[in-house]
């Protein structure tokens, strides 16, 4: 399989035609080899137009969905970024080429080791990997200009919003009534507003379901 040709085809057929205009993002996705972040048995799926489960419960998003989410975040070279549930490290590898600093958060030490190993295998340096509660975020290392979430959720933790710097953006897919939509939250004056630019079939991130309501 010609992986260089596959990466080029990915950009030309899945990224550029879907309103992804950030040239720095396109360059980063061209440079980062997706197959490195997948088991060898799944390498052939690295550039397909679909999400691939890299490890149990952690997905490498389809190129179209990943690129559109990053594009709406409008990441600047000076931004501080928090990458949540980064799995094997693909998102952090791309984001580290766009932001000044990236902290990648995983749920426990075992998951953090997988993320570190993935970044090391790809030769990525400069990403800080931390383990801890995904819902809590990383208040000690904030505020962040961008928070990027790898997976769809039903409920956005208030802790993530509280860790946004002035003008900061949280980018996440939110599941509502069976439909998953991209949301970008923007912090301004101590408040956050959000908009929904597009639908996205991002895989669900376990543990972020809405609490069940009990009624008499």
Protein backbone atom coordinates (compact mmCIF):
# COMPACT_ATOMS: atom_id res chain seq x y z
CA UNK A 1 0.00 0.00 0.00
CA UNK A 2 1.36 3.41 -0.99
CA UNK A 3 0.80 5.32 2.26
CA UNK A 4 2.01 8.65 0.86
CA UNK A 5 -0.55 8.38 -1.92
CA UNK A 6 -3.18 7.39 0.65
CA UNK A 7 -2.41 10.49 2.75
CA UNK A 8 -2.62 12.70 -0.33
CA UNK A 9 -5.92 11.14 -1.34
CA UNK A 10 -7.23 11.64 2.21
CA UNK A 11 -6.50 15.37 2.02
CA UNK A 12 -7.92 15.75 -1.48
CA UNK A 13 -11.09 13.70 -0.99
CA UNK A 14 -11.96 13.93 2.73
CA UNK A 15 -10.44 17.15 4.06
CA UNK A 16 -10.33 19.92 1.45
CA UNK A 17 -13.85 19.30 0.04
CA UNK A 18 -15.38 19.62 3.54
CA UNK A 19 -14.77 23.32 4.17
CA UNK A 20 -11.41 22.75 5.88
CA UNK A 21 -9.46 25.87 4.95
CA UNK A 22 -6.72 26.08 7.61
CA UNK A 23 -3.52 25.58 5.62
CA UNK A 24 -1.51 24.82 8.76
CA UNK A 25 -3.96 22.05 9.66
CA UNK A 26 -3.80 20.55 6.17
CA UNK A 27 0.01 20.61 6.33
CA UNK A 28 -0.05 18.94 9.77
CA UNK A 29 -2.40 16.18 8.64
CA UNK A 30 -0.22 15.62 5.58
CA UNK A 31 2.89 15.31 7.74
CA UNK A 32 1.53 13.06 10.51
CA UNK A 33 1.34 9.38 9.57
CA UNK A 34 -1.99 8.04 10.84
CA UNK A 35 -0.96 4.40 10.46
CA UNK A 36 1.70 4.79 13.17
CA UNK A 37 -1.06 5.29 15.74
CA UNK A 38 -2.88 2.06 14.89
CA UNK A 39 -2.06 -1.61 15.43
CA UNK A 40 -0.38 -3.14 12.37
CA UNK A 41 -3.53 -5.17 11.69
CA UNK A 42 -5.50 -1.93 11.20
CA UNK A 43 -2.90 0.08 9.26
CA UNK A 44 -4.77 -0.44 5.99
CA UNK A 45 -7.77 1.40 7.51
CA UNK A 46 -5.75 4.45 8.55
CA UNK A 47 -6.85 6.63 5.62
CA UNK A 48 -10.33 5.25 5.05
CA UNK A 49 -13.31 7.55 5.47
CA UNK A 50 -14.31 6.05 8.81
CA UNK A 51 -13.45 6.03 12.49
CA UNK A 52 -11.12 3.25 13.64
CA UNK A 53 -11.00 1.87 17.18
CA UNK A 54 -7.28 2.15 18.02
CA UNK A 55 -7.62 0.71 21.54
CA UNK A 56 -10.75 -0.37 23.46
CA UNK A 57 -12.95 2.71 23.85
CA UNK A 58 -10.57 5.04 22.01
CA UNK A 59 -11.14 5.90 18.38
CA UNK A 60 -9.14 7.61 15.69
CA UNK A 61 -11.82 9.83 14.18
CA UNK A 62 -12.48 9.78 10.45
CA UNK A 63 -10.27 12.36 8.69
CA UNK A 64 -13.31 14.40 7.64
CA UNK A 65 -14.71 14.70 11.16
CA UNK A 66 -11.36 15.29 12.86
CA UNK A 67 -10.29 17.96 10.39
CA UNK A 68 -13.61 19.83 10.56
CA UNK A 69 -13.54 19.89 14.37
CA UNK A 70 -9.96 21.16 14.47
CA UNK A 71 -10.70 23.68 11.73
CA UNK A 72 -13.52 25.37 13.68
CA UNK A 73 -11.24 25.68 16.72
CA UNK A 74 -9.11 28.15 14.74
CA UNK A 75 -5.93 27.19 16.62
CA UNK A 76 -3.27 29.91 16.74
CA UNK A 77 0.50 29.36 17.07
CA UNK A 78 0.44 30.93 20.55
CA UNK A 79 -2.44 28.84 21.93
CA UNK A 80 -2.30 26.55 24.97
CA UNK A 81 -4.29 23.41 24.23
CA UNK A 82 -5.82 20.57 26.25
CA UNK A 83 -6.42 17.32 24.34
CA UNK A 84 -8.90 15.03 26.13
CA UNK A 85 -9.05 11.23 25.66
CA UNK A 86 -6.26 11.19 23.09
CA UNK A 87 -6.02 7.40 22.81
CA UNK A 88 -2.86 6.45 20.95
CA UNK A 89 -1.81 10.04 20.31
CA UNK A 90 -2.83 10.95 16.76
CA UNK A 91 -4.81 14.04 17.75
CA UNK A 92 -2.03 15.33 20.01
CA UNK A 93 0.53 14.77 17.24
CA UNK A 94 -1.46 16.92 14.81
CA UNK A 95 -2.44 19.54 17.39
CA UNK A 96 1.15 19.93 18.57
CA UNK A 97 2.01 21.25 15.10
CA UNK A 98 -0.63 23.98 15.46
CA UNK A 99 -0.49 25.19 19.10
CA UNK A 100 2.29 26.53 21.30
CA UNK A 101 1.75 23.76 23.87
CA UNK A 102 -0.37 20.64 24.16
CA UNK A 103 -1.31 18.75 27.31
CA UNK A 104 -2.92 15.38 26.60
CA UNK A 105 -5.19 13.96 29.31
CA UNK A 106 -6.05 10.28 29.67
CA UNK A 107 -8.15 8.52 32.29
CA UNK A 108 -5.48 6.44 34.08
CA UNK A 109 -1.79 5.55 34.07
CA UNK A 110 -2.25 2.61 31.69
CA UNK A 111 -4.06 4.76 29.12
CA UNK A 112 -1.49 7.53 29.55
CA UNK A 113 1.31 5.05 28.85
CA UNK A 114 -0.36 3.97 25.60
CA UNK A 115 -0.62 7.63 24.59
CA UNK A 116 3.03 8.32 25.46
CA UNK A 117 4.18 5.22 23.59
CA UNK A 118 2.19 6.23 20.52
CA UNK A 119 3.72 9.70 20.47
CA UNK A 120 7.20 8.28 20.99
CA UNK A 121 6.75 5.80 18.14
CA UNK A 122 5.84 8.70 15.87
CA UNK A 123 8.80 10.79 17.04
CA UNK A 124 6.53 13.46 18.54
CA UNK A 125 8.09 15.53 21.31
CA UNK A 126 6.81 18.43 23.36
CA UNK A 127 3.41 16.96 24.28
CA UNK A 128 2.85 16.62 28.02
CA UNK A 129 0.81 13.52 28.91
CA UNK A 130 -1.14 13.48 32.18
CA UNK A 131 -3.49 10.90 33.71
CA UNK A 132 -6.57 11.84 35.71
CA UNK A 133 -10.32 12.33 35.58
CA UNK A 134 -11.39 13.29 32.07
CA UNK A 135 -14.46 15.09 33.40
CA UNK A 136 -12.36 17.21 35.75
CA UNK A 137 -10.01 18.41 33.04
CA UNK A 138 -6.74 19.93 34.26
CA UNK A 139 -7.46 23.08 36.27
CA UNK A 140 -3.91 23.17 37.64
CA UNK A 141 -2.50 23.59 34.15
CA UNK A 142 -5.17 25.92 32.75
CA UNK A 143 -6.58 28.12 31.58
CA UNK A 144 -6.50 26.82 28.02
CA UNK A 145 -7.12 28.62 24.75
CA UNK A 146 -8.47 25.43 23.19
CA UNK A 147 -9.95 22.25 24.66
CA UNK A 148 -10.34 19.44 22.12
CA UNK A 149 -12.36 16.30 22.93
CA UNK A 150 -11.83 12.99 21.12
CA UNK A 151 -15.32 11.53 21.11
CA UNK A 152 -18.98 12.41 21.31
CA UNK A 153 -20.61 13.03 24.68
CA UNK A 154 -24.12 13.67 25.98
CA UNK A 155 -23.25 16.17 28.68
CA UNK A 156 -20.49 18.78 28.70
CA UNK A 157 -18.77 19.01 32.12
CA UNK A 158 -18.84 22.49 33.61
CA UNK A 159 -15.19 21.96 34.61
CA UNK A 160 -14.11 22.06 30.96
CA UNK A 161 -15.86 25.36 30.36
CA UNK A 162 -14.40 26.87 33.53
CA UNK A 163 -10.88 26.12 32.27
CA UNK A 164 -11.22 28.19 29.11
CA UNK A 165 -9.19 31.37 28.89
CA UNK A 166 -10.85 34.58 27.72
CA UNK A 167 -11.68 33.91 24.08
CA UNK A 168 -10.98 30.21 24.61
CA UNK A 169 -12.76 27.53 22.57
CA UNK A 170 -14.04 24.09 23.53
CA UNK A 171 -14.64 21.82 20.54
CA UNK A 172 -16.67 18.65 21.08
CA UNK A 173 -19.33 16.48 19.46
CA UNK A 174 -22.56 16.36 21.47
CA UNK A 175 -25.17 13.61 21.10
CA UNK A 176 -28.76 14.85 21.19
CA UNK A 177 -31.72 12.60 20.53
CA UNK A 178 -29.71 10.17 18.45
CA UNK A 179 -27.98 12.86 16.40
CA UNK A 180 -24.38 13.91 17.02
CA UNK A 181 -23.45 17.50 16.29
CA UNK A 182 -20.23 19.44 16.54
CA UNK A 183 -20.32 22.25 19.08
CA UNK A 184 -17.87 25.05 19.63
CA UNK A 185 -18.12 26.87 22.95
CA UNK A 186 -16.44 30.27 23.20
CA UNK A 187 -15.64 31.99 26.51
CA UNK A 188 -16.17 35.73 26.81
CA UNK A 189 -16.59 37.91 29.87
CA UNK A 190 -16.93 34.95 32.22
CA UNK A 191 -19.69 33.35 30.16
CA UNK A 192 -19.76 30.80 27.35
CA UNK A 193 -21.86 30.72 24.21
CA UNK A 194 -22.05 27.87 21.74
CA UNK A 195 -23.01 27.16 18.18
CA UNK A 196 -23.47 23.99 16.15
CA UNK A 197 -21.74 24.20 12.76
CA UNK A 198 -22.31 20.66 11.45
CA UNK A 199 -23.40 17.11 12.20
CA UNK A 200 -20.70 14.52 12.84
CA UNK A 201 -20.85 10.75 13.44
CA UNK A 202 -18.05 10.86 16.01
CA UNK A 203 -17.91 7.68 18.13
CA UNK A 204 -19.23 8.02 21.67
CA UNK A 205 -16.87 8.55 24.60
CA UNK A 206 -17.90 6.27 27.46
CA UNK A 207 -18.72 7.81 30.83
CA UNK A 208 -20.28 11.02 29.54
CA UNK A 209 -23.90 9.92 29.34
CA UNK A 210 -26.57 12.18 30.81
CA UNK A 211 -27.69 11.25 34.28
CA UNK A 212 -30.94 9.28 34.25
CA UNK A 213 -33.93 11.28 35.49
CA UNK A 214 -36.31 9.56 37.86
CA UNK A 215 -39.90 10.68 37.88
CA UNK A 216 -42.80 9.55 40.05
